[in-house]
C-alpha atoms as a PDB file:
ATOM      1  CA  MET A   1      68.527  95.262 113.380  1.00  0.00           C
ATOM      2  CA  ASP A   2      70.321  98.564 114.235  1.00  0.00           C
ATOM      3  CA  ARG A   3      73.818  98.409 112.887  1.00  0.00           C
ATOM      4  CA  ALA A   4      74.957 100.524 115.779  1.00  0.00           C
ATOM      5  CA  GLU A   5      73.977  97.689 118.139  1.00  0.00           C
ATOM      6  CA  VAL A   6      75.624  94.838 116.102  1.00  0.00           C
ATOM      7  CA  PRO A   7      78.918  93.723 117.739  1.00  0.00           C
ATOM      8  CA  HIS A   8      81.971  94.276 115.560  1.00  0.00           C
ATOM      9  CA  PHE A   9      84.968  91.889 115.570  1.00  0.00           C
ATOM     10  CA  HIS A  10      88.407  92.061 113.931  1.00  0.00           C
ATOM     11  CA  ASN A  11      91.300  89.632 113.463  1.00  0.00           C
ATOM     12  CA  GLU A  12      94.236  91.870 113.661  1.00  0.00           C
ATOM     13  CA  ILE A  13      96.062  89.258 115.641  1.00  0.00           C
ATOM     14  CA  GLY A  14      95.582  86.515 112.989  1.00  0.00           C
ATOM     15  CA  ALA A  15      93.749  84.147 115.208  1.00  0.00           C
ATOM     16  CA  ALA A  16      92.818  80.769 113.479  1.00  0.00           C
ATOM     17  CA  ARG A  17      89.315  80.759 115.229  1.00  0.00           C
ATOM     18  CA  ILE A  18      87.385  83.413 117.151  1.00  0.00           C
ATOM     19  CA  ARG A  19      84.640  82.379 119.639  1.00  0.00           C
ATOM     20  CA  ILE A  20      81.842  84.889 120.020  1.00  0.00           C
ATOM     21  CA  GLY A  21      78.667  84.931 122.063  1.00  0.00           C
ATOM     22  CA  VAL A  22      76.306  86.319 119.333  1.00  0.00           C
ATOM     23  CA  LYS A  23      75.103  84.914 115.998  1.00  0.00           C
ATOM     24  CA  ASP A  24      74.596  88.295 114.273  1.00  0.00           C
ATOM     25  CA  PHE A  25      77.747  90.389 114.034  1.00  0.00           C
ATOM     26  CA  MET A  26      80.055  92.330 111.721  1.00  0.00           C
ATOM     27  CA  CYS A  27      83.680  91.499 110.698  1.00  0.00           C
ATOM     28  CA  VAL A  28      86.040  94.254 109.855  1.00  0.00           C
ATOM     29  CA  GLY A  29      89.077  92.146 109.120  1.00  0.00           C
ATOM     30  CA  ALA A  30      91.911  94.359 110.562  1.00  0.00           C
ATOM     31  CA  PHE A  31      92.237  97.741 111.925  1.00  0.00           C
ATOM     32  CA  PRO A  32      91.944 100.690 109.426  1.00  0.00           C
ATOM     33  CA  PRO A  33      93.349 101.503 107.018  1.00  0.00           C
ATOM     34  CA  PHE A  34      93.943  97.734 106.377  1.00  0.00           C
ATOM     35  CA  ASP A  35      90.396  96.642 107.123  1.00  0.00           C
ATOM     36  CA  HIS A  36      87.966  95.224 104.549  1.00  0.00           C
ATOM     37  CA  PRO A  37      84.290  96.327 104.109  1.00  0.00           C
ATOM     38  CA  HIS A  38      82.505  95.866 107.327  1.00  0.00           C
ATOM     39  CA  VAL A  39      80.420  92.931 106.433  1.00  0.00           C
ATOM     40  CA  PHE A  40      77.322  91.736 108.259  1.00  0.00           C
ATOM     41  CA  LEU A  41      77.239  87.952 109.035  1.00  0.00           C
ATOM     42  CA  SER A  42      74.487  85.821 110.527  1.00  0.00           C
ATOM     43  CA  MET A  43      74.993  82.252 111.674  1.00  0.00           C
ATOM     44  CA  GLY A  44      71.193  81.475 111.631  1.00  0.00           C
ATOM     45  CA  GLU A  45      70.545  78.032 112.917  1.00  0.00           C
ATOM     46  CA  ALA A  46      74.263  77.113 112.446  1.00  0.00           C
ATOM     47  CA  SER A  47      76.923  77.508 115.126  1.00  0.00           C
ATOM     48  CA  GLU A  48      79.720  78.873 112.912  1.00  0.00           C
ATOM     49  CA  ALA A  49      80.395  81.355 110.130  1.00  0.00           C
ATOM     50  CA  THR A  50      83.321  82.259 107.947  1.00  0.00           C
ATOM     51  CA  CYS A  51      83.964  85.803 106.702  1.00  0.00           C
ATOM     52  CA  PRO A  52      83.954  85.884 102.901  1.00  0.00           C
ATOM     53  CA  TYR A  53      86.634  88.721 102.849  1.00  0.00           C
ATOM     54  CA  CYS A  54      89.332  87.638 105.328  1.00  0.00           C
ATOM     55  CA  ALA A  55      88.295  83.956 105.909  1.00  0.00           C
ATOM     56  CA  THR A  56      88.275  84.392 109.642  1.00  0.00           C
ATOM     57  CA  HIS A  57      86.291  81.525 111.202  1.00  0.00           C
ATOM     58  CA  PHE A  58      83.868  82.435 113.977  1.00  0.00           C
ATOM     59  CA  THR A  59      82.122  79.844 116.302  1.00  0.00           C
ATOM     60  CA  PHE A  60      79.257  80.444 118.582  1.00  0.00           C
ATOM     61  CA  ASP A  61      79.599  80.142 122.365  1.00  0.00           C
ATOM     62  CA  ALA A  62      76.518  81.335 124.279  1.00  0.00           C
ATOM     63  CA  THR A  63      78.512  81.669 127.511  1.00  0.00           C
ATOM     64  CA  LEU A  64      80.458  84.684 126.207  1.00  0.00           C
ATOM     65  CA  GLY A  65      77.424  87.015 125.717  1.00  0.00           C
ATOM     66  CA  VAL A  66      78.582  89.998 123.660  1.00  0.00           C
ATOM     67  CA  ASP A  67      82.190  89.187 124.371  1.00  0.00           C
ATOM     68  CA  CYS A  68      84.707  87.114 122.377  1.00  0.00           C
ATOM     69  CA  ASP A  69      87.654  84.923 122.752  1.00  0.00           C
ATOM     70  CA  PRO A  70      90.392  86.121 122.283  1.00  0.00           C
ATOM     71  CA  PRO A  71      88.935  89.372 123.960  1.00  0.00           C
ATOM     72  CA  GLU A  72      91.310  91.572 121.994  1.00  0.00           C
ATOM     73  CA  CYS A  73      89.282  90.752 118.869  1.00  0.00           C
ATOM     74  CA  ALA A  74      86.387  92.913 119.925  1.00  0.00           C
ATOM     75  CA  TYR A  75      86.372  96.107 117.771  1.00  0.00           C
ATOM     76  CA  THR A  76      85.170  99.523 118.908  1.00  0.00           C
ATOM     77  CA  LEU A  77      85.915 102.986 117.489  1.00  0.00           C
ATOM     78  CA  GLU A  78      87.665 103.965 120.614  1.00  0.00           C
ATOM     79  CA  ARG A  79      90.221 101.095 120.150  1.00  0.00           C
ATOM     80  CA  GLU A  80      90.833 101.938 116.514  1.00  0.00           C
ATOM     81  CA  PRO A  81      94.484 103.250 116.007  1.00  0.00           C
ATOM     82  CA  ASP A  82      94.633 106.826 114.694  1.00  0.00           C
ATOM     83  CA  PHE A  83      96.758 106.150 111.629  1.00  0.00           C
ATOM     84  CA  LEU A  84      95.616 109.277 109.766  1.00  0.00           C
ATOM     85  CA  GLY A  85      94.796 112.904 110.478  1.00  0.00           C
ATOM     86  CA  PRO A  86      94.894 115.047 113.608  1.00  0.00           C
ATOM     87  CA  GLN A  87      93.159 114.524 116.826  1.00  0.00           C
ATOM     88  CA  ALA A  88      90.019 116.310 117.560  1.00  0.00           C
ATOM     89  CA  LEU A  89      90.541 119.615 119.401  1.00  0.00           C
ATOM     90  CA  GLU A  90      88.768 121.595 122.179  1.00  0.00           C
ATOM     91  CA  SER A  91      86.019 123.920 121.340  1.00  0.00           C
ATOM     92  CA  LYS A  92      84.519 127.299 122.484  1.00  0.00           C
ATOM     93  CA  LEU A  93      81.092 126.497 121.247  1.00  0.00           C
ATOM     94  CA  PRO A  94      78.405 125.213 123.782  1.00  0.00           C
ATOM     95  CA  VAL A  95      77.174 121.639 123.521  1.00  0.00           C
ATOM     96  CA  THR A  96      73.542 121.545 122.821  1.00  0.00           C
ATOM     97  CA  ALA A  97      71.198 118.541 123.114  1.00  0.00           C
ATOM     98  CA  PRO A  98      70.750 116.741 119.797  1.00  0.00           C
ATOM     99  CA  ASP A  99      67.318 116.816 118.052  1.00  0.00           C
ATOM    100  CA  THR A 100      67.675 113.121 117.563  1.00  0.00           C
ATOM    101  CA  PRO A 101      69.389 111.357 120.466  1.00  0.00           C
ATOM    102  CA  PRO A 102      72.210 109.162 119.314  1.00  0.00           C
ATOM    103  CA  SER A 103      72.665 105.521 120.070  1.00  0.00           C
ATOM    104  CA  PRO A 104      73.808 104.867 123.661  1.00  0.00           C
ATOM    105  CA  LYS A 105      76.844 103.241 122.253  1.00  0.00           C
ATOM    106  CA  ALA A 106      77.626 106.073 119.814  1.00  0.00           C
ATOM    107  CA  ARG A 107      80.866 107.838 120.316  1.00  0.00           C
ATOM    108  CA  ILE A 108      80.234 111.609 120.580  1.00  0.00           C
ATOM    109  CA  ALA A 109      83.151 113.618 119.348  1.00  0.00           C
ATOM    110  CA  PRO A 110      84.520 116.365 121.614  1.00  0.00           C
ATOM    111  CA  ALA A 111      84.097 119.934 120.516  1.00  0.00           C
ATOM    112  CA  ILE A 112      86.812 121.456 118.399  1.00  0.00           C
ATOM    113  CA  ASP A 113      88.548 124.846 118.135  1.00  0.00           C
ATOM    114  CA  LEU A 114      88.097 126.094 114.626  1.00  0.00           C
ATOM    115  CA  SER A 115      91.152 127.660 112.982  1.00  0.00           C
ATOM    116  CA  PRO A 116      90.886 130.766 110.703  1.00  0.00           C
ATOM    117  CA  GLN A 117      92.988 128.837 108.173  1.00  0.00           C
ATOM    118  CA  GLY A 118      90.654 125.841 108.032  1.00  0.00           C
ATOM    119  CA  ARG A 119      88.770 124.796 104.874  1.00  0.00           C
ATOM    120  CA  GLY A 120      85.684 123.185 106.335  1.00  0.00           C
ATOM    121  CA  LEU A 121      84.389 120.376 108.523  1.00  0.00           C
ATOM    122  CA  VAL A 122      83.782 116.683 108.166  1.00  0.00           C
ATOM    123  CA  ALA A 123      81.487 114.717 110.475  1.00  0.00           C
ATOM    124  CA  SER A 124      80.006 111.167 110.783  1.00  0.00           C
ATOM    125  CA  PHE A 125      76.545 110.139 111.875  1.00  0.00           C
ATOM    126  CA  ALA A 126      74.986 107.009 113.080  1.00  0.00           C
ATOM    127  CA  SER A 127      71.918 107.119 110.842  1.00  0.00           C
ATOM    128  CA  GLU A 128      70.895 108.237 107.496  1.00  0.00           C
ATOM    129  CA  GLU A 129      68.080 110.434 108.993  1.00  0.00           C
ATOM    130  CA  ALA A 130      70.659 112.542 110.903  1.00  0.00           C
ATOM    131  CA  LEU A 131      72.722 113.023 107.684  1.00  0.00           C
ATOM    132  CA  SER A 132      69.638 114.014 105.677  1.00  0.00           C
ATOM    133  CA  THR A 133      68.566 116.462 108.298  1.00  0.00           C
ATOM    134  CA  THR A 134      72.011 118.000 108.566  1.00  0.00           C
ATOM    135  CA  MET A 135      72.242 118.320 104.808  1.00  0.00           C
ATOM    136  CA  ARG A 136      68.848 120.056 104.637  1.00  0.00           C
ATOM    137  CA  GLN A 137      69.864 122.523 107.334  1.00  0.00           C
ATOM    138  CA  LEU A 138      73.153 123.229 105.692  1.00  0.00           C
ATOM    139  CA  ALA A 139      71.702 123.551 102.197  1.00  0.00           C
ATOM    140  CA  GLY A 140      72.297 126.938 100.447  1.00  0.00           C
ATOM    141  CA  ASP A 141      74.817 128.894  98.662  1.00  0.00           C
ATOM    142  CA  HIS A 142      77.128 129.447 101.744  1.00  0.00           C
ATOM    143  CA  TYR A 143      78.597 125.913 101.815  1.00  0.00           C
ATOM    144  CA  GLU A 144      80.155 123.351  99.457  1.00  0.00           C
ATOM    145  CA  LEU A 145      78.464 120.079 100.597  1.00  0.00           C
ATOM    146  CA  ALA A 146      79.274 116.493  99.917  1.00  0.00           C
ATOM    147  CA  SER A 147      78.040 113.264 101.526  1.00  0.00           C
ATOM    148  CA  PHE A 148      79.414 109.791 101.750  1.00  0.00           C
ATOM    149  CA  ALA A 149      77.079 106.973 102.859  1.00  0.00           C
ATOM    150  CA  PRO A 150      76.689 103.150 102.808  1.00  0.00           C
ATOM    151  CA  THR A 151      73.321 103.747 101.071  1.00  0.00           C
ATOM    152  CA  ILE A 152      72.158 106.489  98.753  1.00  0.00           C
ATOM    153  CA  PRO A 153      70.631 109.305 101.026  1.00  0.00           C
ATOM    154  CA  GLU A 154      67.208 110.602 100.320  1.00  0.00           C
ATOM    155  CA  HIS A 155      68.168 114.237 100.793  1.00  0.00           C
ATOM    156  CA  ASP A 156      68.028 116.634  97.807  1.00  0.00           C
ATOM    157  CA  ARG A 157      71.581 117.224  96.429  1.00  0.00           C
ATOM    158  CA  GLY A 158      70.555 119.625  93.724  1.00  0.00           C
ATOM    159  CA  GLU A 159      70.111 119.315  90.048  1.00  0.00           C
ATOM    160  CA  SER A 160      72.862 117.679  88.042  1.00  0.00           C
ATOM    161  CA  PHE A 161      74.319 119.442  85.005  1.00  0.00           C
ATOM    162  CA  LEU A 162      74.853 116.037  83.214  1.00  0.00           C
ATOM    163  CA  PRO A 163      71.369 115.721  81.505  1.00  0.00           C
ATOM    164  CA  LYS A 164      71.702 119.185  79.920  1.00  0.00           C
ATOM    165  CA  ALA A 165      75.331 118.574  78.974  1.00  0.00           C
ATOM    166  CA  MET A 166      74.382 115.243  77.248  1.00  0.00           C
ATOM    167  CA  LEU A 167      71.467 116.915  75.462  1.00  0.00           C
ATOM    168  CA  ILE A 168      73.790 119.582  74.173  1.00  0.00           C
ATOM    169  CA  GLY A 169      76.443 117.133  73.140  1.00  0.00           C
ATOM    170  CA  GLY A 170      73.823 115.031  71.355  1.00  0.00           C
ATOM    171  CA  ILE A 171      72.439 117.956  69.380  1.00  0.00           C
ATOM    172  CA  VAL A 172      75.975 119.158  68.457  1.00  0.00           C
ATOM    173  CA  GLY A 173      76.896 115.646  67.337  1.00  0.00           C
ATOM    174  CA  THR A 174      73.725 115.221  65.266  1.00  0.00           C
ATOM    175  CA  PHE A 175      73.947 118.552  63.364  1.00  0.00           C
ATOM    176  CA  GLY A 176      77.736 118.284  63.149  1.00  0.00           C
ATOM    177  CA  GLY A 177      77.590 114.815  61.637  1.00  0.00           C
ATOM    178  CA  PHE A 178      74.853 115.924  59.185  1.00  0.00           C
ATOM    179  CA  ALA A 179      77.010 118.895  58.222  1.00  0.00           C
ATOM    180  CA  MET A 180      80.095 116.713  57.682  1.00  0.00           C
ATOM    181  CA  GLU A 181      78.176 114.288  55.546  1.00  0.00           C
ATOM    182  CA  SER A 182      76.681 117.124  53.427  1.00  0.00           C
ATOM    183  CA  TYR A 183      80.213 118.647  52.888  1.00  0.00           C
ATOM    184  CA  ALA A 184      81.697 115.438  51.958  1.00  0.00           C
ATOM    185  CA  ASN A 185      79.028 114.470  49.455  1.00  0.00           C
ATOM    186  CA  ILE A 186      78.510 117.914  47.824  1.00  0.00           C
ATOM    187  CA  PHE A 187      81.911 119.614  48.024  1.00  0.00           C
ATOM    188  CA  GLY A 188      84.615 117.199  49.206  1.00  0.00           C
ATOM    189  CA  TYR A 189      83.891 113.951  47.260  1.00  0.00           C
ATOM    190  CA  PRO A 190      80.836 114.520  45.023  1.00  0.00           C
ATOM    191  CA  LEU A 191      79.936 111.158  43.396  1.00  0.00           C
ATOM    192  CA  ASP A 192      77.307 110.275  40.863  1.00  0.00           C
ATOM    193  CA  ILE A 193      75.708 107.162  42.181  1.00  0.00           C
ATOM    194  CA  GLY A 194      72.908 106.037  39.792  1.00  0.00           C
ATOM    195  CA  GLY A 195      71.872 109.627  39.221  1.00  0.00           C
ATOM    196  CA  ARG A 196      71.174 110.186  42.896  1.00  0.00           C
ATOM    197  CA  PRO A 197      71.334 113.866  43.914  1.00  0.00           C
ATOM    198  CA  GLU A 198      74.434 114.928  45.802  1.00  0.00           C
ATOM    199  CA  PHE A 199      72.380 116.247  48.708  1.00  0.00           C
ATOM    200  CA  SER A 200      70.558 113.010  49.502  1.00  0.00           C
ATOM    201  CA  TRP A 201      69.588 114.070  53.023  1.00  0.00           C
ATOM    202  CA  PRO A 202      67.431 111.012  54.004  1.00  0.00           C
ATOM    203  CA  SER A 203      70.538 108.766  53.824  1.00  0.00           C
ATOM    204  CA  PHE A 204      72.442 111.289  56.009  1.00  0.00           C
ATOM    205  CA  VAL A 205      70.027 111.012  58.921  1.00  0.00           C
ATOM    206  CA  PRO A 206      70.873 107.481  60.390  1.00  0.00           C
ATOM    207  CA  ILE A 207      74.653 108.256  60.548  1.00  0.00           C
ATOM    208  CA  ALA A 208      74.020 111.740  61.938  1.00  0.00           C
ATOM    209  CA  PHE A 209      71.795 110.258  64.595  1.00  0.00           C
ATOM    210  CA  GLU A 210      74.470 107.658  65.573  1.00  0.00           C
ATOM    211  CA  ILE A 211      77.104 110.410  65.781  1.00  0.00           C
ATOM    212  CA  GLY A 212      74.814 112.431  68.098  1.00  0.00           C
ATOM    213  CA  VAL A 213      74.291 109.500  70.373  1.00  0.00           C
ATOM    214  CA  LEU A 214      78.044 108.759  70.404  1.00  0.00           C
ATOM    215  CA  LEU A 215      78.844 112.338  71.377  1.00  0.00           C
ATOM    216  CA  ALA A 216      76.156 112.449  73.984  1.00  0.00           C
ATOM    217  CA  VAL A 217      77.548 109.400  75.698  1.00  0.00           C
ATOM    218  CA  PHE A 218      81.083 110.714  75.529  1.00  0.00           C
ATOM    219  CA  THR A 219      79.858 113.948  77.058  1.00  0.00           C
ATOM    220  CA  GLY A 220      78.067 112.073  79.864  1.00  0.00           C
ATOM    221  CA  ILE A 221      81.172 109.918  80.689  1.00  0.00           C
ATOM    222  CA  THR A 222      83.537 112.910  80.698  1.00  0.00           C
ATOM    223  CA  GLY A 223      81.065 115.073  82.661  1.00  0.00           C
ATOM    224  CA  PHE A 224      80.669 112.246  85.291  1.00  0.00           C
ATOM    225  CA  ILE A 225      84.362 111.977  85.667  1.00  0.00           C
ATOM    226  CA  LEU A 226      84.803 115.681  86.156  1.00  0.00           C
ATOM    227  CA  ALA A 227      81.742 115.856  88.581  1.00  0.00           C
ATOM    228  CA  ALA A 228      83.037 113.002  90.645  1.00  0.00           C
ATOM    229  CA  GLY A 229      86.528 114.653  90.968  1.00  0.00           C
ATOM    230  CA  LEU A 230      88.281 111.543  89.772  1.00  0.00           C
ATOM    231  CA  PHE A 231      91.176 113.547  88.399  1.00  0.00           C
ATOM    232  CA  ALA A 232      91.862 114.927  91.984  1.00  0.00           C
ATOM    233  CA  LEU A 233      94.409 112.387  93.310  1.00  0.00           C
ATOM    234  CA  TYR A 234      94.586 114.023  96.727  1.00  0.00           C
ATOM    235  CA  ASP A 235      92.190 116.014  98.948  1.00  0.00           C
ATOM    236  CA  PRO A 236      92.815 117.152 102.501  1.00  0.00           C
ATOM    237  CA  ILE A 237      89.643 115.315 103.598  1.00  0.00           C
ATOM    238  CA  ASP A 238      91.469 112.109 102.929  1.00  0.00           C
ATOM    239  CA  GLU A 239      93.448 112.615 106.089  1.00  0.00           C
ATOM    240  CA  GLN A 240      90.433 113.093 108.408  1.00  0.00           C
ATOM    241  CA  ARG A 241      89.333 110.241 110.753  1.00  0.00           C
ATOM    242  CA  PRO A 242      85.482 110.430 109.994  1.00  0.00           C
ATOM    243  CA  ILE A 243      85.994 109.907 106.249  1.00  0.00           C
ATOM    244  CA  ARG A 244      87.466 106.524 107.017  1.00  0.00           C
ATOM    245  CA  ARG A 245      84.097 105.337 108.184  1.00  0.00           C
ATOM    246  CA  ALA A 246      82.326 106.197 104.959  1.00  0.00           C
ATOM    247  CA  MET A 247      81.006 103.197 103.154  1.00  0.00           C
ATOM    248  CA  ARG A 248      81.781 101.037 106.208  1.00  0.00           C
ATOM    249  CA  ASP A 249      79.371 101.815 109.183  1.00  0.00           C
ATOM    250  CA  ALA A 250      78.569 105.597 109.240  1.00  0.00           C
ATOM    251  CA  TRP A 251      77.099 108.389 107.137  1.00  0.00           C
ATOM    252  CA  VAL A 252      79.525 111.092 106.576  1.00  0.00           C
ATOM    253  CA  VAL A 253      79.132 114.764 105.445  1.00  0.00           C
ATOM    254  CA  SER A 254      81.691 117.351 104.525  1.00  0.00           C
ATOM    255  CA  VAL A 255      81.102 121.053 104.700  1.00  0.00           C
ATOM    256  CA  ARG A 256      83.523 123.467 103.082  1.00  0.00           C
ATOM    257  CA  SER A 257      83.651 127.234 103.639  1.00  0.00           C
ATOM    258  CA  ARG A 258      86.512 129.710 104.167  1.00  0.00           C
ATOM    259  CA  ASP A 259      84.242 131.811 106.324  1.00  0.00           C
ATOM    260  CA  LEU A 260      85.001 131.041 110.028  1.00  0.00           C
ATOM    261  CA  SER A 261      81.497 132.133 111.188  1.00  0.00           C
ATOM    262  CA  ARG A 262      79.894 129.818 108.565  1.00  0.00           C
ATOM    263  CA  ARG A 263      81.982 126.996 109.901  1.00  0.00           C
ATOM    264  CA  GLU A 264      80.866 127.726 113.462  1.00  0.00           C
ATOM    265  CA  GLN A 265      77.235 127.597 112.292  1.00  0.00           C
ATOM    266  CA  ALA A 266      77.882 124.363 110.545  1.00  0.00           C
ATOM    267  CA  LEU A 267      79.552 122.807 113.642  1.00  0.00           C
ATOM    268  CA  GLU A 268      76.639 123.821 115.878  1.00  0.00           C
ATOM    269  CA  ILE A 269      74.163 122.106 113.447  1.00  0.00           C
ATOM    270  CA  MET A 270      76.300 118.949 113.286  1.00  0.00           C
ATOM    271  CA  ARG A 271      76.410 118.721 116.986  1.00  0.00           C
ATOM    272  CA  ARG A 272      72.683 119.240 117.385  1.00  0.00           C
ATOM    273  CA  GLN A 273      72.143 116.261 114.997  1.00  0.00           C
ATOM    274  CA  GLY A 274      74.375 114.011 117.175  1.00  0.00           C
ATOM    275  CA  ALA A 275      77.472 113.812 115.092  1.00  0.00           C
ATOM    276  CA  GLN A 276      79.785 111.042 116.358  1.00  0.00           C
ATOM    277  CA  ASP A 277      83.099 112.372 114.994  1.00  0.00           C
ATOM    278  CA  ILE A 278      83.749 115.987 113.871  1.00  0.00           C
ATOM    279  CA  GLU A 279      87.135 117.179 112.564  1.00  0.00           C
ATOM    280  CA  GLU A 280      88.212 120.364 110.737  1.00  0.00           C
ATOM    281  CA  ILE A 281      89.561 120.057 107.233  1.00  0.00           C
ATOM    282  CA  GLY A 282      93.049 121.539 107.327  1.00  0.00           C
ATOM    283  CA  ALA A 283      94.353 124.309 105.288  1.00  0.00           C
END
């Protein structure tokens, strides 16, 4: 079932029970930023269901259709309060027909007026295909790209540096450990153990291998933390409306470039692919 066609419901008002006219739906809990993951629920042959996150109890009433009771529990993007970020602005760029028509219920963002002080753009899409196509068209050395999706996109995001970094870390650890053992046994603490030669290299190999594995793993963990930007406690993209839909019900892409003309090109590509929300990342 197309997720864009599944009705969404919330329980911002704290109702003890919500009657709905569908058996397949999604519960969001409360309005963002206090919502829980948008979970898909299906009653199946039953006539009621309980959200595992917020414990909201839903009962089926065929007379309601796609509506609900209380009616204010129906959730749409237009009714979502704008807690964060600026509103979308007006644009000078023409609106072109999207290559892939968006869902009839999709919310198409108004055009925006790009600022010379802007850092980039962030946009949300209704499908993974639109995100992948946008990423392919924006691929190159002119943009810094990042995607945020409910599922792992199939588009090529380039080669990671982590395998090479881990290989280098493993090699350095292995040879470094072997050298440390050799120094300790030959120069630092030479011991005569049953007439065994001081440079007994076969006995050095297992420990050197273990040190190499240890340093490779440590390099991989450190490199992943740096690549994921986990040390960055704040980013201007956190204030944008589209990023709030990442990992919930939309595929989101961010494009960063200081060049105004490049951002205008990126904006045109996003609109051609039917972006639902587009906002500029502030300076």
